[in-house]
C-alpha atoms as a PDB file:
ATOM      1  CA  MET A   1      -1.201 -26.269  56.013  1.00  0.00           C
ATOM      2  CA  SER A   2      -4.308 -24.142  55.866  1.00  0.00           C
ATOM      3  CA  ALA A   3      -4.008 -21.319  53.357  1.00  0.00           C
ATOM      4  CA  THR A   4      -4.724 -18.683  55.993  1.00  0.00           C
ATOM      5  CA  LEU A   5      -2.021 -19.919  58.370  1.00  0.00           C
ATOM      6  CA  ASN A   6       0.440 -20.296  55.497  1.00  0.00           C
ATOM      7  CA  GLN A   7      -0.219 -16.716  54.480  1.00  0.00           C
ATOM      8  CA  ARG A   8       0.226 -15.435  58.027  1.00  0.00           C
ATOM      9  CA  ILE A   9       3.536 -17.283  58.419  1.00  0.00           C
ATOM     10  CA  GLN A  10       4.741 -16.094  55.012  1.00  0.00           C
ATOM     11  CA  GLN A  11       3.831 -12.486  55.732  1.00  0.00           C
ATOM     12  CA  PHE A  12       5.409 -12.613  59.185  1.00  0.00           C
ATOM     13  CA  TYR A  13       8.748 -13.861  57.875  1.00  0.00           C
ATOM     14  CA  ASP A  14       8.656 -11.778  54.712  1.00  0.00           C
ATOM     15  CA  ALA A  15       8.337  -8.705  56.934  1.00  0.00           C
ATOM     16  CA  SER A  16      10.686  -9.644  59.783  1.00  0.00           C
ATOM     17  CA  SER A  17      13.569 -11.609  58.242  1.00  0.00           C
ATOM     18  CA  GLY A  18      15.430  -8.576  56.921  1.00  0.00           C
ATOM     19  CA  LEU A  19      15.383  -6.915  60.318  1.00  0.00           C
ATOM     20  CA  TRP A  20      16.442 -10.120  62.064  1.00  0.00           C
ATOM     21  CA  GLU A  21      19.438 -10.444  59.752  1.00  0.00           C
ATOM     22  CA  GLN A  22      20.363  -6.775  60.144  1.00  0.00           C
ATOM     23  CA  ILE A  23      20.271  -6.822  63.938  1.00  0.00           C
ATOM     24  CA  TRP A  24      20.962 -10.450  64.881  1.00  0.00           C
ATOM     25  CA  GLY A  25      22.539 -12.146  61.865  1.00  0.00           C
ATOM     26  CA  GLU A  26      21.746 -15.131  59.686  1.00  0.00           C
ATOM     27  CA  HIS A  27      20.762 -17.690  62.330  1.00  0.00           C
ATOM     28  CA  MET A  28      17.076 -17.472  63.241  1.00  0.00           C
ATOM     29  CA  HIS A  29      17.123 -19.884  66.178  1.00  0.00           C
ATOM     30  CA  HIS A  30      18.076 -20.224  69.839  1.00  0.00           C
ATOM     31  CA  GLY A  31      21.624 -20.277  71.124  1.00  0.00           C
ATOM     32  CA  TYR A  32      23.317 -22.811  73.411  1.00  0.00           C
ATOM     33  CA  TYR A  33      24.656 -21.598  76.750  1.00  0.00           C
ATOM     34  CA  GLY A  34      25.956 -24.826  78.270  1.00  0.00           C
ATOM     35  CA  ALA A  35      23.890 -27.671  79.694  1.00  0.00           C
ATOM     36  CA  ALA A  36      22.850 -25.585  82.706  1.00  0.00           C
ATOM     37  CA  GLY A  37      22.492 -22.342  80.746  1.00  0.00           C
ATOM     38  CA  ASN A  38      25.281 -20.631  82.693  1.00  0.00           C
ATOM     39  CA  ASP A  39      27.909 -20.073  79.989  1.00  0.00           C
ATOM     40  CA  LYS A  40      28.504 -16.469  78.995  1.00  0.00           C
ATOM     41  CA  LYS A  41      29.012 -16.064  75.279  1.00  0.00           C
ATOM     42  CA  GLU A  42      28.252 -13.827  72.321  1.00  0.00           C
ATOM     43  CA  ARG A  43      24.807 -14.546  70.843  1.00  0.00           C
ATOM     44  CA  ARG A  44      25.956 -15.608  67.383  1.00  0.00           C
ATOM     45  CA  GLN A  45      28.566 -17.944  68.869  1.00  0.00           C
ATOM     46  CA  ALA A  46      25.829 -19.450  71.029  1.00  0.00           C
ATOM     47  CA  GLN A  47      23.787 -20.120  67.885  1.00  0.00           C
ATOM     48  CA  ILE A  48      26.725 -21.792  66.141  1.00  0.00           C
ATOM     49  CA  ASP A  49      27.358 -23.803  69.285  1.00  0.00           C
ATOM     50  CA  LEU A  50      23.736 -24.970  69.242  1.00  0.00           C
ATOM     51  CA  ILE A  51      24.198 -26.423  65.759  1.00  0.00           C
ATOM     52  CA  GLU A  52      27.399 -28.194  66.778  1.00  0.00           C
ATOM     53  CA  GLU A  53      25.934 -29.526  70.022  1.00  0.00           C
ATOM     54  CA  LEU A  54      22.874 -30.836  68.182  1.00  0.00           C
ATOM     55  CA  LEU A  55      25.037 -32.668  65.660  1.00  0.00           C
ATOM     56  CA  LYS A  56      27.099 -34.132  68.481  1.00  0.00           C
ATOM     57  CA  TRP A  57      24.011 -35.174  70.457  1.00  0.00           C
ATOM     58  CA  SER A  58      22.390 -36.831  67.438  1.00  0.00           C
ATOM     59  CA  ASP A  59      25.688 -38.416  66.342  1.00  0.00           C
ATOM     60  CA  VAL A  60      25.502 -37.018  62.815  1.00  0.00           C
ATOM     61  CA  GLN A  61      29.068 -37.176  61.565  1.00  0.00           C
ATOM     62  CA  GLN A  62      28.488 -37.107  57.825  1.00  0.00           C
ATOM     63  CA  ALA A  63      25.698 -36.528  55.320  1.00  0.00           C
ATOM     64  CA  GLU A  64      25.487 -36.167  51.561  1.00  0.00           C
ATOM     65  CA  LYS A  65      21.943 -34.956  50.867  1.00  0.00           C
ATOM     66  CA  ILE A  66      20.362 -32.834  53.581  1.00  0.00           C
ATOM     67  CA  LEU A  67      16.906 -31.301  53.842  1.00  0.00           C
ATOM     68  CA  ASP A  68      16.567 -28.184  56.008  1.00  0.00           C
ATOM     69  CA  VAL A  69      12.869 -27.842  56.850  1.00  0.00           C
ATOM     70  CA  GLY A  70      12.121 -24.213  57.663  1.00  0.00           C
ATOM     71  CA  CYS A  71      15.466 -22.940  56.412  1.00  0.00           C
ATOM     72  CA  GLY A  72      15.016 -19.238  57.125  1.00  0.00           C
ATOM     73  CA  ILE A  73      17.628 -17.223  55.256  1.00  0.00           C
ATOM     74  CA  GLY A  74      19.909 -20.244  55.027  1.00  0.00           C
ATOM     75  CA  GLY A  75      21.918 -20.006  58.247  1.00  0.00           C
ATOM     76  CA  SER A  76      21.882 -23.715  59.108  1.00  0.00           C
ATOM     77  CA  SER A  77      21.809 -24.808  55.465  1.00  0.00           C
ATOM     78  CA  LEU A  78      25.024 -23.018  54.563  1.00  0.00           C
ATOM     79  CA  TYR A  79      26.721 -24.149  57.765  1.00  0.00           C
ATOM     80  CA  LEU A  80      25.828 -27.796  57.137  1.00  0.00           C
ATOM     81  CA  ALA A  81      26.728 -27.620  53.445  1.00  0.00           C
ATOM     82  CA  GLU A  82      30.184 -26.332  54.271  1.00  0.00           C
ATOM     83  CA  LYS A  83      30.764 -28.592  57.264  1.00  0.00           C
ATOM     84  CA  PHE A  84      29.841 -31.823  55.510  1.00  0.00           C
ATOM     85  CA  GLN A  85      30.579 -30.839  51.899  1.00  0.00           C
ATOM     86  CA  ALA A  86      26.995 -31.908  51.343  1.00  0.00           C
ATOM     87  CA  HIS A  87      24.168 -30.801  49.092  1.00  0.00           C
ATOM     88  CA  VAL A  88      21.524 -29.044  51.176  1.00  0.00           C
ATOM     89  CA  THR A  89      17.972 -28.244  50.101  1.00  0.00           C
ATOM     90  CA  GLY A  90      16.178 -25.645  52.173  1.00  0.00           C
ATOM     91  CA  ILE A  91      12.426 -25.055  52.180  1.00  0.00           C
ATOM     92  CA  THR A  92      10.446 -22.155  53.593  1.00  0.00           C
ATOM     93  CA  LEU A  93       7.040 -20.586  53.124  1.00  0.00           C
ATOM     94  CA  SER A  94       8.631 -17.169  52.641  1.00  0.00           C
ATOM     95  CA  PRO A  95       9.724 -16.113  49.133  1.00  0.00           C
ATOM     96  CA  VAL A  96      11.760 -13.333  50.752  1.00  0.00           C
ATOM     97  CA  GLN A  97      13.665 -15.867  52.837  1.00  0.00           C
ATOM     98  CA  ALA A  98      14.252 -18.232  49.912  1.00  0.00           C
ATOM     99  CA  ALA A  99      15.586 -15.401  47.759  1.00  0.00           C
ATOM    100  CA  ARG A 100      17.855 -14.100  50.508  1.00  0.00           C
ATOM    101  CA  ALA A 101      19.170 -17.595  51.280  1.00  0.00           C
ATOM    102  CA  THR A 102      20.025 -18.000  47.592  1.00  0.00           C
ATOM    103  CA  GLU A 103      21.875 -14.662  47.610  1.00  0.00           C
ATOM    104  CA  ARG A 104      23.802 -15.652  50.701  1.00  0.00           C
ATOM    105  CA  ALA A 105      24.755 -18.989  49.146  1.00  0.00           C
ATOM    106  CA  GLN A 106      26.136 -17.203  46.121  1.00  0.00           C
ATOM    107  CA  ALA A 107      28.135 -14.817  48.286  1.00  0.00           C
ATOM    108  CA  ALA A 108      29.549 -17.749  50.261  1.00  0.00           C
ATOM    109  CA  GLY A 109      30.496 -19.688  47.121  1.00  0.00           C
ATOM    110  CA  LEU A 110      28.038 -22.448  47.995  1.00  0.00           C
ATOM    111  CA  SER A 111      25.555 -22.148  45.121  1.00  0.00           C
ATOM    112  CA  GLN A 112      26.504 -25.566  43.794  1.00  0.00           C
ATOM    113  CA  ASN A 113      25.896 -27.152  47.176  1.00  0.00           C
ATOM    114  CA  THR A 114      22.571 -25.564  48.055  1.00  0.00           C
ATOM    115  CA  HIS A 115      19.076 -25.017  46.720  1.00  0.00           C
ATOM    116  CA  PHE A 116      16.340 -22.966  48.345  1.00  0.00           C
ATOM    117  CA  GLN A 117      12.673 -23.002  47.432  1.00  0.00           C
ATOM    118  CA  VAL A 118       9.221 -22.104  48.652  1.00  0.00           C
ATOM    119  CA  ALA A 119       7.426 -25.279  49.733  1.00  0.00           C
ATOM    120  CA  ASP A 120       4.909 -26.556  52.256  1.00  0.00           C
ATOM    121  CA  ALA A 121       6.444 -28.949  54.784  1.00  0.00           C
ATOM    122  CA  LEU A 122       3.149 -30.847  54.962  1.00  0.00           C
ATOM    123  CA  ASN A 123       3.289 -31.585  51.236  1.00  0.00           C
ATOM    124  CA  MET A 124       6.932 -31.662  50.268  1.00  0.00           C
ATOM    125  CA  PRO A 125       7.728 -31.683  46.535  1.00  0.00           C
ATOM    126  CA  PHE A 126      10.306 -34.458  46.871  1.00  0.00           C
ATOM    127  CA  ALA A 127      10.289 -38.121  45.993  1.00  0.00           C
ATOM    128  CA  ASP A 128      10.324 -40.775  48.692  1.00  0.00           C
ATOM    129  CA  ALA A 129      13.729 -41.630  50.154  1.00  0.00           C
ATOM    130  CA  THR A 130      15.525 -38.539  48.806  1.00  0.00           C
ATOM    131  CA  PHE A 131      17.600 -37.359  51.777  1.00  0.00           C
ATOM    132  CA  ASP A 132      19.950 -39.075  54.196  1.00  0.00           C
ATOM    133  CA  PHE A 133      19.533 -36.343  56.830  1.00  0.00           C
ATOM    134  CA  VAL A 134      16.447 -34.247  57.598  1.00  0.00           C
ATOM    135  CA  TRP A 135      17.176 -31.232  59.798  1.00  0.00           C
ATOM    136  CA  SER A 136      14.242 -29.361  61.347  1.00  0.00           C
ATOM    137  CA  LEU A 137      15.392 -26.621  63.708  1.00  0.00           C
ATOM    138  CA  GLU A 138      12.490 -24.690  65.239  1.00  0.00           C
ATOM    139  CA  SER A 139       9.951 -25.239  62.475  1.00  0.00           C
ATOM    140  CA  GLY A 140       7.727 -27.967  63.953  1.00  0.00           C
ATOM    141  CA  GLU A 141       5.935 -25.446  66.150  1.00  0.00           C
ATOM    142  CA  HIS A 142       4.519 -23.815  63.000  1.00  0.00           C
ATOM    143  CA  MET A 143       2.954 -27.053  61.725  1.00  0.00           C
ATOM    144  CA  PRO A 144      -0.831 -27.337  62.103  1.00  0.00           C
ATOM    145  CA  ASP A 145      -0.667 -31.130  61.720  1.00  0.00           C
ATOM    146  CA  LYS A 146       2.262 -32.535  63.675  1.00  0.00           C
ATOM    147  CA  VAL A 147       1.593 -36.113  62.543  1.00  0.00           C
ATOM    148  CA  LYS A 148       1.500 -35.185  58.853  1.00  0.00           C
ATOM    149  CA  PHE A 149       4.660 -33.141  59.272  1.00  0.00           C
ATOM    150  CA  MET A 150       6.571 -36.025  60.781  1.00  0.00           C
ATOM    151  CA  GLN A 151       5.127 -38.418  58.199  1.00  0.00           C
ATOM    152  CA  GLU A 152       6.530 -36.199  55.459  1.00  0.00           C
ATOM    153  CA  CYS A 153       9.937 -36.014  57.134  1.00  0.00           C
ATOM    154  CA  TYR A 154       9.920 -39.802  57.413  1.00  0.00           C
ATOM    155  CA  ARG A 155       8.769 -40.271  53.811  1.00  0.00           C
ATOM    156  CA  VAL A 156      11.616 -38.283  52.270  1.00  0.00           C
ATOM    157  CA  LEU A 157      14.264 -40.024  54.412  1.00  0.00           C
ATOM    158  CA  LYS A 158      16.391 -42.688  52.765  1.00  0.00           C
ATOM    159  CA  PRO A 159      16.555 -46.053  54.531  1.00  0.00           C
ATOM    160  CA  GLY A 160      19.197 -45.611  57.183  1.00  0.00           C
ATOM    161  CA  GLY A 161      18.730 -41.846  57.078  1.00  0.00           C
ATOM    162  CA  LYS A 162      18.324 -39.759  60.205  1.00  0.00           C
ATOM    163  CA  LEU A 163      15.765 -37.182  61.321  1.00  0.00           C
ATOM    164  CA  LEU A 164      16.750 -34.508  63.820  1.00  0.00           C
ATOM    165  CA  MET A 165      13.845 -32.362  64.948  1.00  0.00           C
ATOM    166  CA  VAL A 166      14.208 -29.526  67.448  1.00  0.00           C
ATOM    167  CA  THR A 167      11.048 -27.679  68.337  1.00  0.00           C
ATOM    168  CA  TRP A 168       9.225 -25.551  70.872  1.00  0.00           C
ATOM    169  CA  CYS A 169       7.045 -27.689  73.135  1.00  0.00           C
ATOM    170  CA  HIS A 170       4.918 -27.221  76.200  1.00  0.00           C
ATOM    171  CA  ARG A 171       5.626 -29.117  79.398  1.00  0.00           C
ATOM    172  CA  PRO A 172       4.607 -32.779  79.639  1.00  0.00           C
ATOM    173  CA  THR A 173       1.082 -33.315  80.931  1.00  0.00           C
ATOM    174  CA  ASP A 174       1.332 -36.990  81.864  1.00  0.00           C
ATOM    175  CA  GLY A 175       3.215 -36.543  85.121  1.00  0.00           C
ATOM    176  CA  VAL A 176       2.585 -35.073  88.545  1.00  0.00           C
ATOM    177  CA  ALA A 177       1.923 -31.603  87.129  1.00  0.00           C
ATOM    178  CA  GLY A 178      -1.071 -32.915  85.171  1.00  0.00           C
ATOM    179  CA  GLU A 179      -2.973 -31.121  82.438  1.00  0.00           C
ATOM    180  CA  LEU A 180      -2.240 -27.546  81.452  1.00  0.00           C
ATOM    181  CA  THR A 181      -3.955 -24.976  83.645  1.00  0.00           C
ATOM    182  CA  ALA A 182      -6.205 -22.236  82.276  1.00  0.00           C
ATOM    183  CA  ASP A 183      -3.456 -19.698  82.934  1.00  0.00           C
ATOM    184  CA  GLU A 184      -0.893 -21.825  81.100  1.00  0.00           C
ATOM    185  CA  ARG A 185      -3.212 -22.213  78.127  1.00  0.00           C
ATOM    186  CA  LYS A 186      -3.742 -18.453  78.055  1.00  0.00           C
ATOM    187  CA  HIS A 187       0.023 -17.887  78.078  1.00  0.00           C
ATOM    188  CA  LEU A 188       0.447 -20.303  75.165  1.00  0.00           C
ATOM    189  CA  GLU A 189      -2.366 -18.672  73.203  1.00  0.00           C
ATOM    190  CA  GLU A 190      -0.602 -15.328  73.483  1.00  0.00           C
ATOM    191  CA  ILE A 191       2.589 -16.883  72.101  1.00  0.00           C
ATOM    192  CA  TYR A 192       0.654 -18.561  69.282  1.00  0.00           C
ATOM    193  CA  GLN A 193      -0.917 -15.266  68.271  1.00  0.00           C
ATOM    194  CA  VAL A 194       2.353 -13.346  68.180  1.00  0.00           C
ATOM    195  CA  TYR A 195       4.502 -15.949  66.416  1.00  0.00           C
ATOM    196  CA  CYS A 196       1.914 -17.419  64.011  1.00  0.00           C
ATOM    197  CA  LEU A 197       1.772 -20.826  65.672  1.00  0.00           C
ATOM    198  CA  PRO A 198      -1.271 -23.115  65.480  1.00  0.00           C
ATOM    199  CA  TYR A 199      -0.371 -24.963  68.712  1.00  0.00           C
ATOM    200  CA  VAL A 200       2.508 -26.833  70.325  1.00  0.00           C
ATOM    201  CA  ILE A 201       2.567 -30.267  71.927  1.00  0.00           C
ATOM    202  CA  SER A 202       4.773 -31.951  74.509  1.00  0.00           C
ATOM    203  CA  LEU A 203       7.961 -33.859  73.751  1.00  0.00           C
ATOM    204  CA  PRO A 204       6.444 -37.208  74.868  1.00  0.00           C
ATOM    205  CA  GLU A 205       3.690 -36.658  72.284  1.00  0.00           C
ATOM    206  CA  TYR A 206       6.287 -36.147  69.562  1.00  0.00           C
ATOM    207  CA  GLU A 207       8.033 -39.316  70.686  1.00  0.00           C
ATOM    208  CA  ALA A 208       4.777 -41.251  70.414  1.00  0.00           C
ATOM    209  CA  ILE A 209       4.291 -40.007  66.845  1.00  0.00           C
ATOM    210  CA  ALA A 210       7.840 -41.030  65.967  1.00  0.00           C
ATOM    211  CA  ARG A 211       7.308 -44.531  67.345  1.00  0.00           C
ATOM    212  CA  ASN A 212       4.070 -44.932  65.406  1.00  0.00           C
ATOM    213  CA  LEU A 213       5.895 -43.962  62.223  1.00  0.00           C
ATOM    214  CA  GLY A 214       8.439 -46.684  62.779  1.00  0.00           C
ATOM    215  CA  LEU A 215      11.483 -44.542  63.424  1.00  0.00           C
ATOM    216  CA  GLN A 216      14.224 -46.532  65.107  1.00  0.00           C
ATOM    217  CA  ASP A 217      16.828 -45.666  67.747  1.00  0.00           C
ATOM    218  CA  ILE A 218      14.649 -42.792  68.931  1.00  0.00           C
ATOM    219  CA  ARG A 219      16.212 -40.387  71.411  1.00  0.00           C
ATOM    220  CA  THR A 220      14.723 -37.304  73.025  1.00  0.00           C
ATOM    221  CA  ALA A 221      16.063 -34.567  75.290  1.00  0.00           C
ATOM    222  CA  ASP A 222      14.877 -31.364  76.923  1.00  0.00           C
ATOM    223  CA  TRP A 223      17.412 -28.554  76.496  1.00  0.00           C
ATOM    224  CA  SER A 224      15.266 -25.787  77.954  1.00  0.00           C
ATOM    225  CA  LYS A 225      17.877 -24.736  80.519  1.00  0.00           C
ATOM    226  CA  ALA A 226      20.606 -24.671  77.902  1.00  0.00           C
ATOM    227  CA  VAL A 227      18.790 -22.248  75.589  1.00  0.00           C
ATOM    228  CA  ALA A 228      16.549 -20.185  77.896  1.00  0.00           C
ATOM    229  CA  PRO A 229      19.081 -17.313  78.302  1.00  0.00           C
ATOM    230  CA  PHE A 230      18.754 -16.601  74.583  1.00  0.00           C
ATOM    231  CA  TRP A 231      15.543 -14.623  74.975  1.00  0.00           C
ATOM    232  CA  ASN A 232      16.972 -12.194  77.500  1.00  0.00           C
ATOM    233  CA  VAL A 233      19.951 -11.637  75.194  1.00  0.00           C
ATOM    234  CA  VAL A 234      17.591 -10.850  72.323  1.00  0.00           C
ATOM    235  CA  ILE A 235      15.455  -8.576  74.495  1.00  0.00           C
ATOM    236  CA  ASP A 236      18.550  -6.618  75.552  1.00  0.00           C
ATOM    237  CA  SER A 237      19.536  -6.053  71.919  1.00  0.00           C
ATOM    238  CA  ALA A 238      16.068  -5.429  70.493  1.00  0.00           C
ATOM    239  CA  PHE A 239      15.705  -1.873  71.618  1.00  0.00           C
ATOM    240  CA  ASN A 240      18.873  -0.183  70.450  1.00  0.00           C
ATOM    241  CA  PRO A 241      18.352   2.704  67.997  1.00  0.00           C
ATOM    242  CA  GLY A 242      19.052   0.603  64.906  1.00  0.00           C
ATOM    243  CA  ALA A 243      16.614  -2.096  65.930  1.00  0.00           C
ATOM    244  CA  ILE A 244      13.898   0.387  66.834  1.00  0.00           C
ATOM    245  CA  LEU A 245      14.226   2.158  63.491  1.00  0.00           C
ATOM    246  CA  GLY A 246      14.061  -1.171  61.708  1.00  0.00           C
ATOM    247  CA  LEU A 247      10.978  -2.184  63.652  1.00  0.00           C
ATOM    248  CA  LEU A 248       9.168   0.970  62.570  1.00  0.00           C
ATOM    249  CA  PHE A 249       9.628  -0.007  58.928  1.00  0.00           C
ATOM    250  CA  SER A 250       8.833  -3.714  59.384  1.00  0.00           C
ATOM    251  CA  GLY A 251       5.128  -3.506  60.104  1.00  0.00           C
ATOM    252  CA  TRP A 252       2.903  -4.111  63.099  1.00  0.00           C
ATOM    253  CA  GLY A 253       3.404  -7.892  63.177  1.00  0.00           C
ATOM    254  CA  THR A 254       7.153  -7.505  63.680  1.00  0.00           C
ATOM    255  CA  ILE A 255       6.671  -4.734  66.246  1.00  0.00           C
ATOM    256  CA  GLN A 256       4.204  -6.904  68.166  1.00  0.00           C
ATOM    257  CA  ALA A 257       6.648  -9.830  68.130  1.00  0.00           C
ATOM    258  CA  ALA A 258       9.439  -7.615  69.482  1.00  0.00           C
ATOM    259  CA  LEU A 259       7.236  -6.208  72.221  1.00  0.00           C
ATOM    260  CA  SER A 260       6.229  -9.765  73.162  1.00  0.00           C
ATOM    261  CA  LEU A 261       9.688 -11.296  73.496  1.00  0.00           C
ATOM    262  CA  GLY A 262       9.108 -11.546  77.239  1.00  0.00           C
ATOM    263  CA  LEU A 263       6.358 -14.105  76.647  1.00  0.00           C
ATOM    264  CA  MET A 264       8.962 -16.698  75.713  1.00  0.00           C
ATOM    265  CA  SER A 265      11.354 -15.716  78.483  1.00  0.00           C
ATOM    266  CA  ARG A 266       8.598 -16.013  81.086  1.00  0.00           C
ATOM    267  CA  GLY A 267       7.423 -19.271  79.511  1.00  0.00           C
ATOM    268  CA  TYR A 268      10.837 -20.818  80.146  1.00  0.00           C
ATOM    269  CA  GLU A 269      11.028 -19.367  83.651  1.00  0.00           C
ATOM    270  CA  ARG A 270       7.752 -20.980  84.695  1.00  0.00           C
ATOM    271  CA  GLY A 271       8.585 -24.327  83.073  1.00  0.00           C
ATOM    272  CA  LEU A 272       5.771 -24.058  80.533  1.00  0.00           C
ATOM    273  CA  ILE A 273       7.847 -23.686  77.374  1.00  0.00           C
ATOM    274  CA  ARG A 274      10.255 -26.508  76.644  1.00  0.00           C
ATOM    275  CA  PHE A 275      12.967 -26.847  74.005  1.00  0.00           C
ATOM    276  CA  GLY A 276      12.528 -30.393  72.762  1.00  0.00           C
ATOM    277  CA  LEU A 277      14.937 -32.557  70.770  1.00  0.00           C
ATOM    278  CA  LEU A 278      14.095 -35.772  68.936  1.00  0.00           C
ATOM    279  CA  CYS A 279      16.198 -37.866  66.627  1.00  0.00           C
ATOM    280  CA  GLY A 280      15.562 -41.213  65.008  1.00  0.00           C
ATOM    281  CA  GLN A 281      16.609 -43.322  62.083  1.00  0.00           C
ATOM    282  CA  ARG A 282      14.609 -44.801  59.269  1.00  0.00           C
ATOM    283  CA  GLY A 283      15.064 -48.563  59.155  1.00  0.00           C
ATOM    284  CA  MET A 284      16.921 -50.180  56.295  1.00  0.00           C
ATOM    285  CA  ALA A 285      14.694 -51.538  53.548  1.00  0.00           C
ATOM    286  CA  MET A 286      13.966 -55.229  53.921  1.00  0.00           C
ATOM    287  CA  PRO A 287      15.485 -57.438  51.199  1.00  0.00           C
ATOM    288  CA  CYS A 288      13.102 -58.766  48.578  1.00  0.00           C
ATOM    289  CA  PRO A 289      12.009 -62.374  49.189  1.00  0.00           C
END
């Protein structure tokens, strides 16, 4: 990634992660509210349910070495490590997040099963074919080079290993709706500015990248309806006294993000923002002649 964008992302999460954990807990991702988005449930349970539904959808029943790309403070990493009795490596651009994830692993008795480090997802410090499962939950939107990002995920996958990528997208532009309008582009730019995103692409574009890489058994899905209620839940909880006090001590970037939560909610409502899923498998190595 570019140094400037890396620094912005690092600073954003260094400043905001403590508040997120204090107010909303360890999972820094959407929740799942049923296929139609109508289920009523507590926010943290919805986030756990999202993890379980993603594993079910991608048919991941076991894994031994897992990479969590964009691990936050270790919410998914610790959950997966415990569920599968696997070794999970988490990477993030934020030293604050990596340190907190390590602390949380120790408190959970999972230090032997997890490792957290600061690393760039576009230049991962891992050998080829290291992991049998690469998990990327809401990190792809931060990547300034989507092709390079997916190339790296593919590179570190073992033959037969599986990639599950879940990311913010914009609506497809190859159908009746056509190209993004000026108003839609403006809406996206506002989201990019607040959440330190370079740009997002559509799910069909991600699928095309995956096919060019050679991923096999590719599946995609749009779960926008299932997760859209999450933002209204967060908005409702963001302005209690504890959250407001925390915001005041977290810096302008965090305050701006809190004040702009409605951008995402409105993006889902108008069909502009999409919650895209993609999974695929790396082919088995061909036998030597």
